[in-house]
mmCIF file of all heavy atoms, coordinates in Angstrom:
data_MODEL
# 
_entry.id   MODEL 
# 
loop_
_atom_site.group_PDB 
_atom_site.id 
_atom_site.type_symbol 
_atom_site.label_atom_id 
_atom_site.label_alt_id 
_atom_site.label_comp_id 
_atom_site.label_asym_id 
_atom_site.label_entity_id 
_atom_site.label_seq_id 
_atom_site.pdbx_PDB_ins_code 
_atom_site.Cartn_x 
_atom_site.Cartn_y 
_atom_site.Cartn_z 
_atom_site.occupancy 
_atom_site.B_iso_or_equiv 
_atom_site.pdbx_formal_charge 
_atom_site.auth_seq_id 
_atom_site.auth_comp_id 
_atom_site.auth_asym_id 
_atom_site.auth_atom_id 
_atom_site.pdbx_PDB_model_num 
ATOM 1   N N   . ALA A 1 1  ? 72.093 21.441 9.197  1.00 0.00 ? 1  ALA A N   1 
ATOM 2   C CA  . ALA A 1 1  ? 71.767 20.224 10.034 1.00 0.00 ? 1  ALA A CA  1 
ATOM 3   C C   . ALA A 1 1  ? 71.596 19.014 9.150  1.00 0.00 ? 1  ALA A C   1 
ATOM 4   O O   . ALA A 1 1  ? 72.141 17.978 9.497  1.00 0.00 ? 1  ALA A O   1 
ATOM 5   C CB  . ALA A 1 1  ? 70.468 20.508 10.808 1.00 0.00 ? 1  ALA A CB  1 
ATOM 6   N N   . MET A 1 2  ? 70.846 19.159 8.051  1.00 0.00 ? 2  MET A N   1 
ATOM 7   C CA  . MET A 1 2  ? 70.764 17.950 7.160  1.00 0.00 ? 2  MET A CA  1 
ATOM 8   C C   . MET A 1 2  ? 72.077 17.480 6.557  1.00 0.00 ? 2  MET A C   1 
ATOM 9   O O   . MET A 1 2  ? 72.340 16.268 6.543  1.00 0.00 ? 2  MET A O   1 
ATOM 10  C CB  . MET A 1 2  ? 69.723 18.319 6.037  1.00 0.00 ? 2  MET A CB  1 
ATOM 11  C CG  . MET A 1 2  ? 68.350 18.615 6.540  1.00 0.00 ? 2  MET A CG  1 
ATOM 12  S SD  . MET A 1 2  ? 67.206 19.225 5.297  1.00 0.00 ? 2  MET A SD  1 
ATOM 13  C CE  . MET A 1 2  ? 67.156 17.997 4.161  1.00 0.00 ? 2  MET A CE  1 
ATOM 14  N N   . ALA A 1 3  ? 72.894 18.381 6.206  1.00 0.00 ? 3  ALA A N   1 
ATOM 15  C CA  . ALA A 1 3  ? 74.201 18.096 5.670  1.00 0.00 ? 3  ALA A CA  1 
ATOM 16  C C   . ALA A 1 3  ? 75.044 17.399 6.699  1.00 0.00 ? 3  ALA A C   1 
ATOM 17  O O   . ALA A 1 3  ? 75.933 16.646 6.422  1.00 0.00 ? 3  ALA A O   1 
ATOM 18  C CB  . ALA A 1 3  ? 74.912 19.308 5.163  1.00 0.00 ? 3  ALA A CB  1 
ATOM 19  N N   . ALA A 1 4  ? 74.792 17.683 8.027  1.00 0.00 ? 4  ALA A N   1 
ATOM 20  C CA  . ALA A 1 4  ? 75.525 16.962 9.105  1.00 0.00 ? 4  ALA A CA  1 
ATOM 21  C C   . ALA A 1 4  ? 74.800 15.731 9.553  1.00 0.00 ? 4  ALA A C   1 
ATOM 22  O O   . ALA A 1 4  ? 74.979 15.268 10.635 1.00 0.00 ? 4  ALA A O   1 
ATOM 23  C CB  . ALA A 1 4  ? 75.723 17.888 10.241 1.00 0.00 ? 4  ALA A CB  1 
ATOM 24  N N   . SER A 1 5  ? 73.913 15.135 8.670  1.00 0.00 ? 5  SER A N   1 
ATOM 25  C CA  . SER A 1 5  ? 73.202 13.907 8.971  1.00 0.00 ? 5  SER A CA  1 
ATOM 26  C C   . SER A 1 5  ? 72.235 14.072 10.167 1.00 0.00 ? 5  SER A C   1 
ATOM 27  O O   . SER A 1 5  ? 72.262 13.208 11.048 1.00 0.00 ? 5  SER A O   1 
ATOM 28  C CB  . SER A 1 5  ? 74.105 12.722 9.077  1.00 0.00 ? 5  SER A CB  1 
ATOM 29  O OG  . SER A 1 5  ? 74.861 12.514 7.899  1.00 0.00 ? 5  SER A OG  1 
ATOM 30  N N   . ARG A 1 6  ? 71.594 15.112 10.321 1.00 0.00 ? 6  ARG A N   1 
ATOM 31  C CA  . ARG A 1 6  ? 70.728 15.438 11.449 1.00 0.00 ? 6  ARG A CA  1 
ATOM 32  C C   . ARG A 1 6  ? 69.207 15.322 10.931 1.00 0.00 ? 6  ARG A C   1 
ATOM 33  O O   . ARG A 1 6  ? 68.886 15.842 9.864  1.00 0.00 ? 6  ARG A O   1 
ATOM 34  C CB  . ARG A 1 6  ? 70.947 16.701 12.116 1.00 0.00 ? 6  ARG A CB  1 
ATOM 35  C CG  . ARG A 1 6  ? 72.296 16.860 12.715 1.00 0.00 ? 6  ARG A CG  1 
ATOM 36  C CD  . ARG A 1 6  ? 72.445 15.717 13.862 1.00 0.00 ? 6  ARG A CD  1 
ATOM 37  N NE  . ARG A 1 6  ? 73.804 15.854 14.418 1.00 0.00 ? 6  ARG A NE  1 
ATOM 38  C CZ  . ARG A 1 6  ? 74.796 15.030 14.258 1.00 0.00 ? 6  ARG A CZ  1 
ATOM 39  N NH1 . ARG A 1 6  ? 74.659 14.127 13.341 1.00 0.00 ? 6  ARG A NH1 1 
ATOM 40  N NH2 . ARG A 1 6  ? 75.980 15.185 14.776 1.00 0.00 ? 6  ARG A NH2 1 
ATOM 41  N N   . CYS A 1 7  ? 68.388 14.622 11.599 1.00 0.00 ? 7  CYS A N   1 
ATOM 42  C CA  . CYS A 1 7  ? 67.001 14.594 11.272 1.00 0.00 ? 7  CYS A CA  1 
ATOM 43  C C   . CYS A 1 7  ? 66.412 15.924 11.765 1.00 0.00 ? 7  CYS A C   1 
ATOM 44  O O   . CYS A 1 7  ? 66.662 16.369 12.915 1.00 0.00 ? 7  CYS A O   1 
ATOM 45  C CB  . CYS A 1 7  ? 66.411 13.493 12.149 1.00 0.00 ? 7  CYS A CB  1 
ATOM 46  S SG  . CYS A 1 7  ? 64.587 13.260 11.754 1.00 0.00 ? 7  CYS A SG  1 
ATOM 47  N N   . VAL A 1 8  ? 65.679 16.561 10.881 1.00 0.00 ? 8  VAL A N   1 
ATOM 48  C CA  . VAL A 1 8  ? 65.020 17.802 11.226 1.00 0.00 ? 8  VAL A CA  1 
ATOM 49  C C   . VAL A 1 8  ? 63.495 17.811 11.267 1.00 0.00 ? 8  VAL A C   1 
ATOM 50  O O   . VAL A 1 8  ? 62.865 16.929 10.707 1.00 0.00 ? 8  VAL A O   1 
ATOM 51  C CB  . VAL A 1 8  ? 65.427 18.926 10.092 1.00 0.00 ? 8  VAL A CB  1 
ATOM 52  C CG1 . VAL A 1 8  ? 66.932 19.159 10.115 1.00 0.00 ? 8  VAL A CG1 1 
ATOM 53  C CG2 . VAL A 1 8  ? 64.997 18.590 8.678  1.00 0.00 ? 8  VAL A CG2 1 
ATOM 54  N N   . ILE A 1 9  ? 63.062 18.688 12.142 1.00 0.00 ? 9  ILE A N   1 
ATOM 55  C CA  . ILE A 1 9  ? 61.567 18.847 12.341 1.00 0.00 ? 9  ILE A CA  1 
ATOM 56  C C   . ILE A 1 9  ? 61.351 20.300 12.069 1.00 0.00 ? 9  ILE A C   1 
ATOM 57  O O   . ILE A 1 9  ? 61.962 21.206 12.751 1.00 0.00 ? 9  ILE A O   1 
ATOM 58  C CB  . ILE A 1 9  ? 60.991 18.432 13.689 1.00 0.00 ? 9  ILE A CB  1 
ATOM 59  C CG1 . ILE A 1 9  ? 61.359 16.955 13.914 1.00 0.00 ? 9  ILE A CG1 1 
ATOM 60  C CG2 . ILE A 1 9  ? 59.550 18.693 13.736 1.00 0.00 ? 9  ILE A CG2 1 
ATOM 61  C CD1 . ILE A 1 9  ? 61.116 16.530 15.312 1.00 0.00 ? 9  ILE A CD1 1 
ATOM 62  N N   . VAL A 1 10 ? 60.473 20.647 11.091 1.00 0.00 ? 10 VAL A N   1 
ATOM 63  C CA  . VAL A 1 10 ? 60.210 22.104 10.826 1.00 0.00 ? 10 VAL A CA  1 
ATOM 64  C C   . VAL A 1 10 ? 58.681 22.320 10.719 1.00 0.00 ? 10 VAL A C   1 
ATOM 65  O O   . VAL A 1 10 ? 57.886 21.412 10.450 1.00 0.00 ? 10 VAL A O   1 
ATOM 66  C CB  . VAL A 1 10 ? 60.914 22.473 9.481  1.00 0.00 ? 10 VAL A CB  1 
ATOM 67  C CG1 . VAL A 1 10 ? 62.363 22.230 9.497  1.00 0.00 ? 10 VAL A CG1 1 
ATOM 68  C CG2 . VAL A 1 10 ? 60.230 21.723 8.200  1.00 0.00 ? 10 VAL A CG2 1 
ATOM 69  N N   . TYR A 1 11 ? 58.346 23.525 10.899 1.00 0.00 ? 11 TYR A N   1 
ATOM 70  C CA  . TYR A 1 11 ? 56.984 23.962 10.671 1.00 0.00 ? 11 TYR A CA  1 
ATOM 71  C C   . TYR A 1 11 ? 56.705 24.156 9.128  1.00 0.00 ? 11 TYR A C   1 
ATOM 72  O O   . TYR A 1 11 ? 57.595 24.427 8.404  1.00 0.00 ? 11 TYR A O   1 
ATOM 73  C CB  . TYR A 1 11 ? 56.747 25.385 11.261 1.00 0.00 ? 11 TYR A CB  1 
ATOM 74  C CG  . TYR A 1 11 ? 56.600 25.325 12.789 1.00 0.00 ? 11 TYR A CG  1 
ATOM 75  C CD1 . TYR A 1 11 ? 57.102 26.312 13.558 1.00 0.00 ? 11 TYR A CD1 1 
ATOM 76  C CD2 . TYR A 1 11 ? 55.820 24.378 13.435 1.00 0.00 ? 11 TYR A CD2 1 
ATOM 77  C CE1 . TYR A 1 11 ? 56.924 26.405 14.945 1.00 0.00 ? 11 TYR A CE1 1 
ATOM 78  C CE2 . TYR A 1 11 ? 55.610 24.432 14.809 1.00 0.00 ? 11 TYR A CE2 1 
ATOM 79  C CZ  . TYR A 1 11 ? 56.201 25.447 15.547 1.00 0.00 ? 11 TYR A CZ  1 
ATOM 80  O OH  . TYR A 1 11 ? 56.065 25.449 16.917 1.00 0.00 ? 11 TYR A OH  1 
ATOM 81  N N   . ASP A 1 12 ? 55.496 23.782 8.838  1.00 0.00 ? 12 ASP A N   1 
ATOM 82  C CA  . ASP A 1 12 ? 55.009 24.083 7.443  1.00 0.00 ? 12 ASP A CA  1 
ATOM 83  C C   . ASP A 1 12 ? 54.766 25.603 7.361  1.00 0.00 ? 12 ASP A C   1 
ATOM 84  O O   . ASP A 1 12 ? 53.628 26.037 7.388  1.00 0.00 ? 12 ASP A O   1 
ATOM 85  C CB  . ASP A 1 12 ? 53.762 23.321 7.234  1.00 0.00 ? 12 ASP A CB  1 
ATOM 86  C CG  . ASP A 1 12 ? 53.247 23.292 5.708  1.00 0.00 ? 12 ASP A CG  1 
ATOM 87  O OD1 . ASP A 1 12 ? 54.005 23.823 4.897  1.00 0.00 ? 12 ASP A OD1 1 
ATOM 88  O OD2 . ASP A 1 12 ? 52.208 22.696 5.406  1.00 0.00 ? 12 ASP A OD2 1 
ATOM 89  N N   . TRP A 1 13 ? 55.961 26.227 7.174  1.00 0.00 ? 13 TRP A N   1 
ATOM 90  C CA  . TRP A 1 13 ? 55.834 27.634 7.209  1.00 0.00 ? 13 TRP A CA  1 
ATOM 91  C C   . TRP A 1 13 ? 57.083 28.213 6.491  1.00 0.00 ? 13 TRP A C   1 
ATOM 92  O O   . TRP A 1 13 ? 58.137 27.870 6.610  1.00 0.00 ? 13 TRP A O   1 
ATOM 93  C CB  . TRP A 1 13 ? 55.912 28.137 8.714  1.00 0.00 ? 13 TRP A CB  1 
ATOM 94  C CG  . TRP A 1 13 ? 55.824 29.633 9.050  1.00 0.00 ? 13 TRP A CG  1 
ATOM 95  C CD1 . TRP A 1 13 ? 56.831 30.285 9.653  1.00 0.00 ? 13 TRP A CD1 1 
ATOM 96  C CD2 . TRP A 1 13 ? 54.777 30.452 8.908  1.00 0.00 ? 13 TRP A CD2 1 
ATOM 97  N NE1 . TRP A 1 13 ? 56.447 31.616 9.830  1.00 0.00 ? 13 TRP A NE1 1 
ATOM 98  C CE2 . TRP A 1 13 ? 55.072 31.680 9.395  1.00 0.00 ? 13 TRP A CE2 1 
ATOM 99  C CE3 . TRP A 1 13 ? 53.450 30.357 8.347  1.00 0.00 ? 13 TRP A CE3 1 
ATOM 100 C CZ2 . TRP A 1 13 ? 54.221 32.801 9.393  1.00 0.00 ? 13 TRP A CZ2 1 
ATOM 101 C CZ3 . TRP A 1 13 ? 52.615 31.399 8.307  1.00 0.00 ? 13 TRP A CZ3 1 
ATOM 102 C CH2 . TRP A 1 13 ? 53.016 32.645 8.857  1.00 0.00 ? 13 TRP A CH2 1 
ATOM 103 N N   . GLY A 1 14 ? 56.828 29.183 5.569  1.00 0.00 ? 14 GLY A N   1 
ATOM 104 C CA  . GLY A 1 14 ? 57.970 29.833 4.779  1.00 0.00 ? 14 GLY A CA  1 
ATOM 105 C C   . GLY A 1 14 ? 58.527 28.754 3.777  1.00 0.00 ? 14 GLY A C   1 
ATOM 106 O O   . GLY A 1 14 ? 57.753 27.947 3.312  1.00 0.00 ? 14 GLY A O   1 
ATOM 107 N N   . ALA A 1 15 ? 59.757 28.820 3.565  1.00 0.00 ? 15 ALA A N   1 
ATOM 108 C CA  . ALA A 1 15 ? 60.408 28.062 2.479  1.00 0.00 ? 15 ALA A CA  1 
ATOM 109 C C   . ALA A 1 15 ? 60.749 26.621 2.925  1.00 0.00 ? 15 ALA A C   1 
ATOM 110 O O   . ALA A 1 15 ? 61.225 25.751 2.111  1.00 0.00 ? 15 ALA A O   1 
ATOM 111 C CB  . ALA A 1 15 ? 61.588 28.756 1.948  1.00 0.00 ? 15 ALA A CB  1 
ATOM 112 N N   . LEU A 1 16 ? 60.712 26.362 4.301  1.00 0.00 ? 16 LEU A N   1 
ATOM 113 C CA  . LEU A 1 16 ? 61.257 25.075 4.833  1.00 0.00 ? 16 LEU A CA  1 
ATOM 114 C C   . LEU A 1 16 ? 60.696 23.789 4.210  1.00 0.00 ? 16 LEU A C   1 
ATOM 115 O O   . LEU A 1 16 ? 61.390 22.889 3.911  1.00 0.00 ? 16 LEU A O   1 
ATOM 116 C CB  . LEU A 1 16 ? 61.177 25.112 6.280  1.00 0.00 ? 16 LEU A CB  1 
ATOM 117 C CG  . LEU A 1 16 ? 62.048 26.199 6.955  1.00 0.00 ? 16 LEU A CG  1 
ATOM 118 C CD1 . LEU A 1 16 ? 61.929 26.075 8.557  1.00 0.00 ? 16 LEU A CD1 1 
ATOM 119 C CD2 . LEU A 1 16 ? 63.518 26.112 6.522  1.00 0.00 ? 16 LEU A CD2 1 
ATOM 120 N N   . PRO A 1 17 ? 59.287 23.822 3.835  1.00 0.00 ? 17 PRO A N   1 
ATOM 121 C CA  . PRO A 1 17 ? 58.852 22.641 3.296  1.00 0.00 ? 17 PRO A CA  1 
ATOM 122 C C   . PRO A 1 17 ? 59.397 22.327 1.872  1.00 0.00 ? 17 PRO A C   1 
ATOM 123 O O   . PRO A 1 17 ? 59.444 21.197 1.482  1.00 0.00 ? 17 PRO A O   1 
ATOM 124 C CB  . PRO A 1 17 ? 57.295 22.939 3.280  1.00 0.00 ? 17 PRO A CB  1 
ATOM 125 C CG  . PRO A 1 17 ? 57.037 23.876 4.269  1.00 0.00 ? 17 PRO A CG  1 
ATOM 126 C CD  . PRO A 1 17 ? 58.283 24.702 4.371  1.00 0.00 ? 17 PRO A CD  1 
ATOM 127 N N   . GLU A 1 18 ? 59.859 23.384 1.242  1.00 0.00 ? 18 GLU A N   1 
ATOM 128 C CA  . GLU A 1 18 ? 60.610 23.186 -0.109 1.00 0.00 ? 18 GLU A CA  1 
ATOM 129 C C   . GLU A 1 18 ? 61.971 22.436 0.074  1.00 0.00 ? 18 GLU A C   1 
ATOM 130 O O   . GLU A 1 18 ? 62.435 21.793 -0.758 1.00 0.00 ? 18 GLU A O   1 
ATOM 131 C CB  . GLU A 1 18 ? 60.747 24.556 -0.764 1.00 0.00 ? 18 GLU A CB  1 
ATOM 132 C CG  . GLU A 1 18 ? 59.460 25.215 -1.136 1.00 0.00 ? 18 GLU A CG  1 
ATOM 133 C CD  . GLU A 1 18 ? 59.592 26.600 -1.664 1.00 0.00 ? 18 GLU A CD  1 
ATOM 134 O OE1 . GLU A 1 18 ? 60.718 26.891 -2.205 1.00 0.00 ? 18 GLU A OE1 1 
ATOM 135 O OE2 . GLU A 1 18 ? 58.672 27.404 -1.519 1.00 0.00 ? 18 GLU A OE2 1 
ATOM 136 N N   . LEU A 1 19 ? 62.549 22.702 1.313  1.00 0.00 ? 19 LEU A N   1 
ATOM 137 C CA  . LEU A 1 19 ? 63.903 22.097 1.585  1.00 0.00 ? 19 LEU A CA  1 
ATOM 138 C C   . LEU A 1 19 ? 63.769 20.783 2.012  1.00 0.00 ? 19 LEU A C   1 
ATOM 139 O O   . LEU A 1 19 ? 64.600 19.900 1.737  1.00 0.00 ? 19 LEU A O   1 
ATOM 140 C CB  . LEU A 1 19 ? 64.549 23.146 2.514  1.00 0.00 ? 19 LEU A CB  1 
ATOM 141 C CG  . LEU A 1 19 ? 65.988 22.736 2.987  1.00 0.00 ? 19 LEU A CG  1 
ATOM 142 C CD1 . LEU A 1 19 ? 66.863 22.732 1.808  1.00 0.00 ? 19 LEU A CD1 1 
ATOM 143 C CD2 . LEU A 1 19 ? 66.508 23.776 3.961  1.00 0.00 ? 19 LEU A CD2 1 
ATOM 144 N N   . VAL A 1 20 ? 62.843 20.487 3.005  1.00 0.00 ? 20 VAL A N   1 
ATOM 145 C CA  . VAL A 1 20 ? 62.800 19.163 3.652  1.00 0.00 ? 20 VAL A CA  1 
ATOM 146 C C   . VAL A 1 20 ? 61.822 18.355 2.823  1.00 0.00 ? 20 VAL A C   1 
ATOM 147 O O   . VAL A 1 20 ? 60.518 18.382 2.946  1.00 0.00 ? 20 VAL A O   1 
ATOM 148 C CB  . VAL A 1 20 ? 62.198 19.361 5.154  1.00 0.00 ? 20 VAL A CB  1 
ATOM 149 C CG1 . VAL A 1 20 ? 62.147 18.034 5.732  1.00 0.00 ? 20 VAL A CG1 1 
ATOM 150 C CG2 . VAL A 1 20 ? 63.102 20.312 5.892  1.00 0.00 ? 20 VAL A CG2 1 
ATOM 151 N N   . LYS A 1 21 ? 62.283 17.417 2.117  1.00 0.00 ? 21 LYS A N   1 
ATOM 152 C CA  . LYS A 1 21 ? 61.567 16.541 1.295  1.00 0.00 ? 21 LYS A CA  1 
ATOM 153 C C   . LYS A 1 21 ? 61.094 15.242 2.030  1.00 0.00 ? 21 LYS A C   1 
ATOM 154 O O   . LYS A 1 21 ? 61.702 14.991 2.936  1.00 0.00 ? 21 LYS A O   1 
ATOM 155 C CB  . LYS A 1 21 ? 62.341 16.138 0.062  1.00 0.00 ? 21 LYS A CB  1 
ATOM 156 C CG  . LYS A 1 21 ? 62.687 17.256 -0.877 1.00 0.00 ? 21 LYS A CG  1 
ATOM 157 C CD  . LYS A 1 21 ? 61.542 17.962 -1.411 1.00 0.00 ? 21 LYS A CD  1 
ATOM 158 C CE  . LYS A 1 21 ? 61.836 19.199 -2.279 1.00 0.00 ? 21 LYS A CE  1 
ATOM 159 N NZ  . LYS A 1 21 ? 60.738 20.041 -2.588 1.00 0.00 ? 21 LYS A NZ  1 
ATOM 160 N N   . PRO A 1 22 ? 60.084 14.655 1.634  1.00 0.00 ? 22 PRO A N   1 
ATOM 161 C CA  . PRO A 1 22 ? 59.588 13.413 2.309  1.00 0.00 ? 22 PRO A CA  1 
ATOM 162 C C   . PRO A 1 22 ? 60.725 12.412 2.549  1.00 0.00 ? 22 PRO A C   1 
ATOM 163 O O   . PRO A 1 22 ? 61.558 12.131 1.652  1.00 0.00 ? 22 PRO A O   1 
ATOM 164 C CB  . PRO A 1 22 ? 58.580 12.786 1.331  1.00 0.00 ? 22 PRO A CB  1 
ATOM 165 C CG  . PRO A 1 22 ? 58.045 13.955 0.587  1.00 0.00 ? 22 PRO A CG  1 
ATOM 166 C CD  . PRO A 1 22 ? 59.346 14.853 0.374  1.00 0.00 ? 22 PRO A CD  1 
ATOM 167 N N   . GLY A 1 23 ? 60.853 11.967 3.761  1.00 0.00 ? 23 GLY A N   1 
ATOM 168 C CA  . GLY A 1 23 ? 61.887 10.955 4.130  1.00 0.00 ? 23 GLY A CA  1 
ATOM 169 C C   . GLY A 1 23 ? 63.154 11.586 4.570  1.00 0.00 ? 23 GLY A C   1 
ATOM 170 O O   . GLY A 1 23 ? 64.103 10.982 5.070  1.00 0.00 ? 23 GLY A O   1 
ATOM 171 N N   . CYS A 1 24 ? 63.232 12.946 4.488  1.00 0.00 ? 24 CYS A N   1 
ATOM 172 C CA  . CYS A 1 24 ? 64.524 13.663 4.877  1.00 0.00 ? 24 CYS A CA  1 
ATOM 173 C C   . CYS A 1 24 ? 64.329 14.465 6.147  1.00 0.00 ? 24 CYS A C   1 
ATOM 174 O O   . CYS A 1 24 ? 65.203 15.105 6.568  1.00 0.00 ? 24 CYS A O   1 
ATOM 175 C CB  . CYS A 1 24 ? 64.877 14.688 3.768  1.00 0.00 ? 24 CYS A CB  1 
ATOM 176 S SG  . CYS A 1 24 ? 65.392 13.829 2.198  1.00 0.00 ? 24 CYS A SG  1 
ATOM 177 N N   . GLY A 1 25 ? 63.181 14.365 6.723  1.00 0.00 ? 25 GLY A N   1 
ATOM 178 C CA  . GLY A 1 25 ? 62.853 15.021 7.922  1.00 0.00 ? 25 GLY A CA  1 
ATOM 179 C C   . GLY A 1 25 ? 61.344 15.125 8.161  1.00 0.00 ? 25 GLY A C   1 
ATOM 180 O O   . GLY A 1 25 ? 60.573 14.406 7.253  1.00 0.00 ? 25 GLY A O   1 
ATOM 181 N N   . PHE A 1 26 ? 60.854 15.938 9.007  1.00 0.00 ? 26 PHE A N   1 
ATOM 182 C CA  . PHE A 1 26 ? 59.459 15.960 9.302  1.00 0.00 ? 26 PHE A CA  1 
ATOM 183 C C   . PHE A 1 26 ? 58.889 17.416 9.246  1.00 0.00 ? 26 PHE A C   1 
ATOM 184 O O   . PHE A 1 26 ? 59.520 18.350 9.726  1.00 0.00 ? 26 PHE A O   1 
ATOM 185 C CB  . PHE A 1 26 ? 59.172 15.409 10.706 1.00 0.00 ? 26 PHE A CB  1 
ATOM 186 C CG  . PHE A 1 26 ? 59.486 13.929 10.794 1.00 0.00 ? 26 PHE A CG  1 
ATOM 187 C CD1 . PHE A 1 26 ? 60.705 13.562 11.020 1.00 0.00 ? 26 PHE A CD1 1 
ATOM 188 C CD2 . PHE A 1 26 ? 58.496 13.009 10.529 1.00 0.00 ? 26 PHE A CD2 1 
ATOM 189 C CE1 . PHE A 1 26 ? 61.132 12.230 11.239 1.00 0.00 ? 26 PHE A CE1 1 
ATOM 190 C CE2 . PHE A 1 26 ? 58.808 11.636 10.534 1.00 0.00 ? 26 PHE A CE2 1 
ATOM 191 C CZ  . PHE A 1 26 ? 60.175 11.230 10.928 1.00 0.00 ? 26 PHE A CZ  1 
ATOM 192 N N   . ILE A 1 27 ? 57.750 17.574 8.503  1.00 0.00 ? 27 ILE A N   1 
ATOM 193 C CA  . ILE A 1 27 ? 57.057 18.901 8.475  1.00 0.00 ? 27 ILE A CA  1 
ATOM 194 C C   . ILE A 1 27 ? 55.816 18.821 9.191  1.00 0.00 ? 27 ILE A C   1 
ATOM 195 O O   . ILE A 1 27 ? 55.034 17.946 9.014  1.00 0.00 ? 27 ILE A O   1 
ATOM 196 C CB  . ILE A 1 27 ? 56.883 19.192 6.921  1.00 0.00 ? 27 ILE A CB  1 
ATOM 197 C CG1 . ILE A 1 27 ? 58.143 19.205 6.142  1.00 0.00 ? 27 ILE A CG1 1 
ATOM 198 C CG2 . ILE A 1 27 ? 56.094 20.563 6.801  1.00 0.00 ? 27 ILE A CG2 1 
ATOM 199 C CD1 . ILE A 1 27 ? 57.876 19.318 4.708  1.00 0.00 ? 27 ILE A CD1 1 
ATOM 200 N N   . VAL A 1 28 ? 55.706 19.690 10.166 1.00 0.00 ? 28 VAL A N   1 
ATOM 201 C CA  . VAL A 1 28 ? 54.473 19.730 11.056 1.00 0.00 ? 28 VAL A CA  1 
ATOM 202 C C   . VAL A 1 28 ? 53.763 20.996 10.863 1.00 0.00 ? 28 VAL A C   1 
ATOM 203 O O   . VAL A 1 28 ? 54.356 22.059 10.432 1.00 0.00 ? 28 VAL A O   1 
ATOM 204 C CB  . VAL A 1 28 ? 54.851 19.521 12.490 1.00 0.00 ? 28 VAL A CB  1 
ATOM 205 C CG1 . VAL A 1 28 ? 55.464 18.138 12.710 1.00 0.00 ? 28 VAL A CG1 1 
ATOM 206 C CG2 . VAL A 1 28 ? 55.701 20.584 13.036 1.00 0.00 ? 28 VAL A CG2 1 
# 
C-alpha cells in the first residue's frame, strides 16, 4: 500500500510500527 502511495493506518502491534515510520502513515 505504501509503495502505491497510500496512506496507512496500523495498530501498534507486531512488526508494523517498524515499517511505518513517522510521517509515512499512522500508528494507533
